[in-house]
C-alpha atoms as a PDB file:
ATOM      1  CA  MET A   1      -2.593 -47.280  -9.553  1.00  0.00           C
ATOM      2  CA  ASP A   2      -2.528 -46.938 -13.304  1.00  0.00           C
ATOM      3  CA  ALA A   3      -5.177 -48.494 -15.541  1.00  0.00           C
ATOM      4  CA  ARG A   4      -2.847 -51.089 -17.087  1.00  0.00           C
ATOM      5  CA  LEU A   5      -1.811 -52.503 -13.701  1.00  0.00           C
ATOM      6  CA  LEU A   6      -5.390 -52.416 -12.463  1.00  0.00           C
ATOM      7  CA  GLU A   7      -6.387 -54.525 -15.477  1.00  0.00           C
ATOM      8  CA  ILE A   8      -3.584 -56.986 -14.681  1.00  0.00           C
ATOM      9  CA  ALA A   9      -4.886 -57.194 -11.107  1.00  0.00           C
ATOM     10  CA  HIS A  10      -8.415 -57.876 -12.424  1.00  0.00           C
ATOM     11  CA  THR A  11      -7.205 -60.798 -14.530  1.00  0.00           C
ATOM     12  CA  ALA A  12      -4.865 -62.292 -11.897  1.00  0.00           C
ATOM     13  CA  LYS A  13      -6.106 -65.414 -10.168  1.00  0.00           C
ATOM     14  CA  GLY A  14      -7.089 -64.762  -6.587  1.00  0.00           C
ATOM     15  CA  PHE A  15      -9.875 -63.615  -4.343  1.00  0.00           C
ATOM     16  CA  MET A  16      -8.888 -60.080  -3.253  1.00  0.00           C
ATOM     17  CA  PRO A  17     -11.679 -57.607  -4.047  1.00  0.00           C
ATOM     18  CA  GLU A  18     -10.622 -54.454  -5.881  1.00  0.00           C
ATOM     19  CA  ASP A  19     -11.526 -52.112  -3.017  1.00  0.00           C
ATOM     20  CA  GLU A  20      -9.331 -54.101  -0.596  1.00  0.00           C
ATOM     21  CA  GLY A  21      -6.497 -54.223  -3.114  1.00  0.00           C
ATOM     22  CA  LEU A  22      -6.629 -50.466  -3.643  1.00  0.00           C
ATOM     23  CA  ALA A  23      -6.718 -49.889   0.131  1.00  0.00           C
ATOM     24  CA  LEU A  24      -3.652 -52.120   0.450  1.00  0.00           C
ATOM     25  CA  HIS A  25      -1.976 -50.184  -2.364  1.00  0.00           C
ATOM     26  CA  HIS A  26      -2.602 -46.821  -0.656  1.00  0.00           C
ATOM     27  CA  ALA A  27      -1.594 -48.060   2.819  1.00  0.00           C
ATOM     28  CA  GLY A  28       1.600 -49.482   1.357  1.00  0.00           C
ATOM     29  CA  ARG A  29       2.467 -46.196  -0.310  1.00  0.00           C
ATOM     30  CA  ASP A  30       2.163 -44.480   3.071  1.00  0.00           C
ATOM     31  CA  ALA A  31       4.200 -47.157   4.880  1.00  0.00           C
ATOM     32  CA  ALA A  32       6.903 -47.230   2.195  1.00  0.00           C
ATOM     33  CA  SER A  33       8.005 -43.762   3.242  1.00  0.00           C
ATOM     34  CA  VAL A  34       9.566 -45.433   6.303  1.00  0.00           C
ATOM     35  CA  GLY A  35      11.472 -48.159   4.416  1.00  0.00           C
ATOM     36  CA  PRO A  36      11.176 -51.192   2.133  1.00  0.00           C
ATOM     37  CA  LEU A  37       7.987 -53.280   2.158  1.00  0.00           C
ATOM     38  CA  LEU A  38       7.949 -57.061   2.518  1.00  0.00           C
ATOM     39  CA  GLU A  39       5.238 -59.511   1.494  1.00  0.00           C
ATOM     40  CA  ILE A  40       5.647 -63.075   2.726  1.00  0.00           C
ATOM     41  CA  GLY A  41       3.594 -65.661   0.910  1.00  0.00           C
ATOM     42  CA  SER A  42       0.733 -65.283  -1.501  1.00  0.00           C
ATOM     43  CA  TYR A  43      -2.016 -67.358  -3.027  1.00  0.00           C
ATOM     44  CA  CYS A  44      -1.582 -66.602  -6.708  1.00  0.00           C
ATOM     45  CA  GLY A  45      -0.058 -63.125  -6.738  1.00  0.00           C
ATOM     46  CA  LYS A  46      -3.094 -60.868  -7.026  1.00  0.00           C
ATOM     47  CA  SER A  47      -2.037 -58.912  -3.926  1.00  0.00           C
ATOM     48  CA  ALA A  48       1.485 -58.672  -5.349  1.00  0.00           C
ATOM     49  CA  VAL A  49       0.148 -56.653  -8.289  1.00  0.00           C
ATOM     50  CA  PHE A  50      -1.507 -54.172  -5.915  1.00  0.00           C
ATOM     51  CA  LYS A  51       1.566 -53.989  -3.658  1.00  0.00           C
ATOM     52  CA  GLY A  52       4.146 -54.075  -6.431  1.00  0.00           C
ATOM     53  CA  SER A  53       2.509 -51.225  -8.278  1.00  0.00           C
ATOM     54  CA  MET A  54       2.975 -48.904  -5.315  1.00  0.00           C
ATOM     55  CA  GLY A  55       6.733 -49.102  -5.678  1.00  0.00           C
ATOM     56  CA  ARG A  56       6.522 -47.463  -9.096  1.00  0.00           C
ATOM     57  CA  HIS A  57       5.102 -44.207  -7.748  1.00  0.00           C
ATOM     58  CA  ASP A  58       7.966 -43.079  -5.550  1.00  0.00           C
ATOM     59  CA  ASP A  59      10.790 -45.507  -6.410  1.00  0.00           C
ATOM     60  CA  ARG A  60      10.029 -47.591  -3.319  1.00  0.00           C
ATOM     61  CA  VAL A  61      11.290 -51.121  -2.772  1.00  0.00           C
ATOM     62  CA  VAL A  62       8.798 -53.980  -2.455  1.00  0.00           C
ATOM     63  CA  VAL A  63      10.153 -57.483  -1.806  1.00  0.00           C
ATOM     64  CA  ARG A  64       8.094 -60.672  -2.133  1.00  0.00           C
ATOM     65  CA  ILE A  65       9.107 -63.991  -0.649  1.00  0.00           C
ATOM     66  CA  ASP A  66       7.118 -67.055  -1.560  1.00  0.00           C
ATOM     67  CA  GLY A  67       8.147 -70.651  -1.308  1.00  0.00           C
ATOM     68  CA  ARG A  68       6.748 -74.127  -1.421  1.00  0.00           C
ATOM     69  CA  ILE A  69       7.635 -77.142   0.625  1.00  0.00           C
ATOM     70  CA  GLU A  70       6.847 -80.395  -1.089  1.00  0.00           C
ATOM     71  CA  SER A  71       6.988 -83.752   0.612  1.00  0.00           C
END
């Protein structure tokens, strides 16, 4: 993960510790060799920075779906 994206992850609102985010990033890079990755839901997007950055390395596809239901 490059330094610029790591800085963005540091400043993003959320609670994911850096070591967990980097582990997620590396696991996703391994899994992306099989096919596209999908993230469903997020708190504020901190994990999306870690996951989204992995797609840049090997031209992998990462899709995020997040929605809100308001009553």
